[in-house]
Amino acid sequence: MPFKKGKVIPFDVKKREVMKLKRHGMGNAEIAKLLNMGKGEIELIIRTGDGSVS
């Protein structure tokens, strides 16, 4: 589900989509491009495991 540029997507929605795509074997760069997000943002979400930030 690619997101439209300029549209604000809640973080929890992005987080779920990133984790789902990663579980399906996509690489970080691929996910970043598909979701119009930075690779660093993808890596941060994945590093936190479930995406939660305490």
PDB file of N, CA and C in Angstrom:
ATOM      1  N   MET A   1       0.847  -1.172   0.000  1.00  0.00           N
ATOM      2  CA  MET A   1       0.000   0.000   0.000  1.00  0.00           C
ATOM      3  C   MET A   1       0.893   1.236   0.000  1.00  0.00           C
ATOM      4  N   PRO A   2       1.352   1.686  -1.153  1.00  0.00           N
ATOM      5  CA  PRO A   2       2.165   2.898  -1.220  1.00  0.00           C
ATOM      6  C   PRO A   2       1.355   4.113  -0.770  1.00  0.00           C
ATOM      7  N   PHE A   3       2.023   5.017  -0.093  1.00  0.00           N
ATOM      8  CA  PHE A   3       1.362   6.214   0.409  1.00  0.00           C
ATOM      9  C   PHE A   3       1.560   7.353  -0.570  1.00  0.00           C
ATOM     10  N   LYS A   4       0.565   8.235  -0.664  1.00  0.00           N
ATOM     11  CA  LYS A   4       0.657   9.383  -1.555  1.00  0.00           C
ATOM     12  C   LYS A   4       1.576  10.429  -0.950  1.00  0.00           C
ATOM     13  N   LYS A   5       2.391  11.044  -1.810  1.00  0.00           N
ATOM     14  CA  LYS A   5       3.280  12.106  -1.349  1.00  0.00           C
ATOM     15  C   LYS A   5       2.458  13.266  -0.810  1.00  0.00           C
ATOM     16  N   GLY A   6       2.939  13.853   0.281  1.00  0.00           N
ATOM     17  CA  GLY A   6       2.280  15.009   0.855  1.00  0.00           C
ATOM     18  C   GLY A   6       1.193  14.666   1.853  1.00  0.00           C
ATOM     19  N   LYS A   7       0.778  13.417   1.896  1.00  0.00           N
ATOM     20  CA  LYS A   7      -0.258  13.021   2.833  1.00  0.00           C
ATOM     21  C   LYS A   7       0.401  12.595   4.147  1.00  0.00           C
ATOM     22  N   VAL A   8      -0.133  13.070   5.255  1.00  0.00           N
ATOM     23  CA  VAL A   8       0.416  12.725   6.562  1.00  0.00           C
ATOM     24  C   VAL A   8      -0.167  11.380   6.990  1.00  0.00           C
ATOM     25  N   ILE A   9       0.721  10.421   7.224  1.00  0.00           N
ATOM     26  CA  ILE A   9       0.323   9.079   7.632  1.00  0.00           C
ATOM     27  C   ILE A   9       0.733   8.893   9.090  1.00  0.00           C
ATOM     28  N   PRO A  10      -0.183   8.485   9.957  1.00  0.00           N
ATOM     29  CA  PRO A  10       0.176   8.277  11.363  1.00  0.00           C
ATOM     30  C   PRO A  10       1.326   7.279  11.491  1.00  0.00           C
ATOM     31  N   PHE A  11       2.202   7.521  12.461  1.00  0.00           N
ATOM     32  CA  PHE A  11       3.385   6.685  12.633  1.00  0.00           C
ATOM     33  C   PHE A  11       3.029   5.223  12.850  1.00  0.00           C
ATOM     34  N   ASP A  12       1.995   4.932  13.620  1.00  0.00           N
ATOM     35  CA  ASP A  12       1.666   3.529  13.893  1.00  0.00           C
ATOM     36  C   ASP A  12       1.257   2.786  12.619  1.00  0.00           C
ATOM     37  N   VAL A  13       0.649   3.493  11.675  1.00  0.00           N
ATOM     38  CA  VAL A  13       0.280   2.874  10.396  1.00  0.00           C
ATOM     39  C   VAL A  13       1.546   2.562   9.600  1.00  0.00           C
ATOM     40  N   LYS A  14       2.471   3.521   9.546  1.00  0.00           N
ATOM     41  CA  LYS A  14       3.748   3.314   8.860  1.00  0.00           C
ATOM     42  C   LYS A  14       4.498   2.150   9.493  1.00  0.00           C
ATOM     43  N   LYS A  15       4.536   2.145  10.811  1.00  0.00           N
ATOM     44  CA  LYS A  15       5.269   1.119  11.554  1.00  0.00           C
ATOM     45  C   LYS A  15       4.751  -0.275  11.218  1.00  0.00           C
ATOM     46  N   ARG A  16       3.447  -0.442  11.235  1.00  0.00           N
ATOM     47  CA  ARG A  16       2.859  -1.752  10.918  1.00  0.00           C
ATOM     48  C   ARG A  16       3.197  -2.177   9.490  1.00  0.00           C
ATOM     49  N   GLU A  17       3.123  -1.235   8.564  1.00  0.00           N
ATOM     50  CA  GLU A  17       3.406  -1.550   7.161  1.00  0.00           C
ATOM     51  C   GLU A  17       4.879  -1.920   6.976  1.00  0.00           C
ATOM     52  N   VAL A  18       5.779  -1.178   7.611  1.00  0.00           N
ATOM     53  CA  VAL A  18       7.216  -1.480   7.528  1.00  0.00           C
ATOM     54  C   VAL A  18       7.494  -2.882   8.056  1.00  0.00           C
ATOM     55  N   MET A  19       6.962  -3.203   9.217  1.00  0.00           N
ATOM     56  CA  MET A  19       7.215  -4.504   9.829  1.00  0.00           C
ATOM     57  C   MET A  19       6.621  -5.631   8.978  1.00  0.00           C
ATOM     58  N   LYS A  20       5.450  -5.407   8.383  1.00  0.00           N
ATOM     59  CA  LYS A  20       4.821  -6.416   7.534  1.00  0.00           C
ATOM     60  C   LYS A  20       5.685  -6.680   6.296  1.00  0.00           C
ATOM     61  N   LEU A  21       6.154  -5.605   5.651  1.00  0.00           N
ATOM     62  CA  LEU A  21       6.975  -5.761   4.453  1.00  0.00           C
ATOM     63  C   LEU A  21       8.303  -6.435   4.779  1.00  0.00           C
ATOM     64  N   LYS A  22       8.889  -6.103   5.920  1.00  0.00           N
ATOM     65  CA  LYS A  22      10.148  -6.717   6.330  1.00  0.00           C
ATOM     66  C   LYS A  22       9.958  -8.212   6.571  1.00  0.00           C
ATOM     67  N   ARG A  23       8.849  -8.581   7.222  1.00  0.00           N
ATOM     68  CA  ARG A  23       8.564 -10.003   7.450  1.00  0.00           C
ATOM     69  C   ARG A  23       8.389 -10.766   6.137  1.00  0.00           C
ATOM     70  N   HIS A  24       7.952 -10.059   5.105  1.00  0.00           N
ATOM     71  CA  HIS A  24       7.761 -10.684   3.790  1.00  0.00           C
ATOM     72  C   HIS A  24       9.053 -10.694   2.975  1.00  0.00           C
ATOM     73  N   GLY A  25      10.153 -10.266   3.599  1.00  0.00           N
ATOM     74  CA  GLY A  25      11.460 -10.388   2.967  1.00  0.00           C
ATOM     75  C   GLY A  25      11.955  -9.201   2.172  1.00  0.00           C
ATOM     76  N   MET A  26      11.272  -8.073   2.232  1.00  0.00           N
ATOM     77  CA  MET A  26      11.733  -6.897   1.496  1.00  0.00           C
ATOM     78  C   MET A  26      12.922  -6.265   2.204  1.00  0.00           C
ATOM     79  N   GLY A  27      13.805  -5.667   1.424  1.00  0.00           N
ATOM     80  CA  GLY A  27      14.960  -4.962   1.972  1.00  0.00           C
ATOM     81  C   GLY A  27      14.589  -3.552   2.407  1.00  0.00           C
ATOM     82  N   ASN A  28      15.453  -2.961   3.230  1.00  0.00           N
ATOM     83  CA  ASN A  28      15.191  -1.621   3.763  1.00  0.00           C
ATOM     84  C   ASN A  28      15.038  -0.571   2.664  1.00  0.00           C
ATOM     85  N   ALA A  29      15.915  -0.605   1.667  1.00  0.00           N
ATOM     86  CA  ALA A  29      15.856   0.382   0.587  1.00  0.00           C
ATOM     87  C   ALA A  29      14.569   0.231  -0.221  1.00  0.00           C
ATOM     88  N   GLU A  30      14.173  -1.017  -0.439  1.00  0.00           N
ATOM     89  CA  GLU A  30      12.931  -1.295  -1.175  1.00  0.00           C
ATOM     90  C   GLU A  30      11.718  -0.754  -0.417  1.00  0.00           C
ATOM     91  N   ILE A  31      11.699  -0.999   0.892  1.00  0.00           N
ATOM     92  CA  ILE A  31      10.592  -0.532   1.737  1.00  0.00           C
ATOM     93  C   ILE A  31      10.551   0.989   1.741  1.00  0.00           C
ATOM     94  N   ALA A  32      11.710   1.613   1.895  1.00  0.00           N
ATOM     95  CA  ALA A  32      11.787   3.076   1.927  1.00  0.00           C
ATOM     96  C   ALA A  32      11.222   3.674   0.642  1.00  0.00           C
ATOM     97  N   LYS A  33      11.589   3.110  -0.487  1.00  0.00           N
ATOM     98  CA  LYS A  33      11.113   3.631  -1.768  1.00  0.00           C
ATOM     99  C   LYS A  33       9.605   3.422  -1.911  1.00  0.00           C
ATOM    100  N   LEU A  34       9.138   2.246  -1.554  1.00  0.00           N
ATOM    101  CA  LEU A  34       7.721   1.923  -1.688  1.00  0.00           C
ATOM    102  C   LEU A  34       6.844   2.833  -0.823  1.00  0.00           C
ATOM    103  N   LEU A  35       7.312   3.129   0.397  1.00  0.00           N
ATOM    104  CA  LEU A  35       6.508   3.904   1.344  1.00  0.00           C
ATOM    105  C   LEU A  35       6.863   5.391   1.370  1.00  0.00           C
ATOM    106  N   ASN A  36       7.764   5.817   0.466  1.00  0.00           N
ATOM    107  CA  ASN A  36       8.199   7.225   0.434  1.00  0.00           C
ATOM    108  C   ASN A  36       8.738   7.672   1.787  1.00  0.00           C
ATOM    109  N   MET A  37       9.611   6.860   2.356  1.00  0.00           N
ATOM    110  CA  MET A  37      10.229   7.153   3.653  1.00  0.00           C
ATOM    111  C   MET A  37      11.740   7.073   3.477  1.00  0.00           C
ATOM    112  N   GLY A  38      12.469   7.655   4.418  1.00  0.00           N
ATOM    113  CA  GLY A  38      13.922   7.571   4.382  1.00  0.00           C
ATOM    114  C   GLY A  38      14.405   6.213   4.872  1.00  0.00           C
ATOM    115  N   LYS A  39      15.572   5.782   4.335  1.00  0.00           N
ATOM    116  CA  LYS A  39      16.128   4.504   4.773  1.00  0.00           C
ATOM    117  C   LYS A  39      16.431   4.523   6.263  1.00  0.00           C
ATOM    118  N   GLY A  40      16.874   5.652   6.786  1.00  0.00           N
ATOM    119  CA  GLY A  40      17.170   5.759   8.212  1.00  0.00           C
ATOM    120  C   GLY A  40      15.925   5.560   9.065  1.00  0.00           C
ATOM    121  N   GLU A  41      14.809   6.077   8.594  1.00  0.00           N
ATOM    122  CA  GLU A  41      13.546   5.909   9.322  1.00  0.00           C
ATOM    123  C   GLU A  41      13.133   4.434   9.331  1.00  0.00           C
ATOM    124  N   ILE A  42      13.319   3.760   8.198  1.00  0.00           N
ATOM    125  CA  ILE A  42      13.001   2.333   8.105  1.00  0.00           C
ATOM    126  C   ILE A  42      13.896   1.553   9.067  1.00  0.00           C
ATOM    127  N   GLU A  43      15.198   1.845   9.048  1.00  0.00           N
ATOM    128  CA  GLU A  43      16.146   1.145   9.919  1.00  0.00           C
ATOM    129  C   GLU A  43      15.817   1.359  11.390  1.00  0.00           C
ATOM    130  N   LEU A  44      15.416   2.559  11.748  1.00  0.00           N
ATOM    131  CA  LEU A  44      15.054   2.848  13.128  1.00  0.00           C
ATOM    132  C   LEU A  44      13.839   2.027  13.558  1.00  0.00           C
ATOM    133  N   ILE A  45      12.834   1.985  12.725  1.00  0.00           N
ATOM    134  CA  ILE A  45      11.623   1.214  13.040  1.00  0.00           C
ATOM    135  C   ILE A  45      11.976  -0.267  13.214  1.00  0.00           C
ATOM    136  N   ILE A  46      12.793  -0.793  12.312  1.00  0.00           N
ATOM    137  CA  ILE A  46      13.147  -2.208  12.383  1.00  0.00           C
ATOM    138  C   ILE A  46      14.015  -2.497  13.596  1.00  0.00           C
ATOM    139  N   ARG A  47      14.948  -1.604  13.916  1.00  0.00           N
ATOM    140  CA  ARG A  47      15.825  -1.804  15.083  1.00  0.00           C
ATOM    141  C   ARG A  47      15.053  -1.842  16.382  1.00  0.00           C
ATOM    142  N   THR A  48      13.958  -1.117  16.450  1.00  0.00           N
ATOM    143  CA  THR A  48      13.189  -1.105  17.698  1.00  0.00           C
ATOM    144  C   THR A  48      12.320  -2.352  17.827  1.00  0.00           C
ATOM    145  N   GLY A  49      12.406  -3.229  16.844  1.00  0.00           N
ATOM    146  CA  GLY A  49      11.666  -4.495  16.925  1.00  0.00           C
ATOM    147  C   GLY A  49      10.223  -4.331  16.544  1.00  0.00           C
ATOM    148  N   ASP A  50       9.387  -4.065  17.503  1.00  0.00           N
ATOM    149  CA  ASP A  50       7.955  -3.910  17.211  1.00  0.00           C
ATOM    150  C   ASP A  50       7.628  -2.475  16.811  1.00  0.00           C
ATOM    151  N   GLY A  51       8.635  -1.619  16.780  1.00  0.00           N
ATOM    152  CA  GLY A  51       8.431  -0.247  16.349  1.00  0.00           C
ATOM    153  C   GLY A  51       8.064   0.703  17.466  1.00  0.00           C
ATOM    154  N   SER A  52       7.886   0.199  18.669  1.00  0.00           N
ATOM    155  CA  SER A  52       7.509   1.090  19.763  1.00  0.00           C
ATOM    156  C   SER A  52       8.719   1.856  20.275  1.00  0.00           C
ATOM    157  N   VAL A  53       8.497   3.085  20.645  1.00  0.00           N
ATOM    158  CA  VAL A  53       9.554   3.934  21.182  1.00  0.00           C
ATOM    159  C   VAL A  53       9.185   4.252  22.619  1.00  0.00           C
ATOM    160  N   SER A  54      10.110   3.965  23.532  1.00  0.00           N
ATOM    161  CA  SER A  54       9.783   4.230  24.948  1.00  0.00           C
ATOM    162  C   SER A  54      10.395   5.522  25.418  1.00  0.00           C
TER     163      SER A  54
END
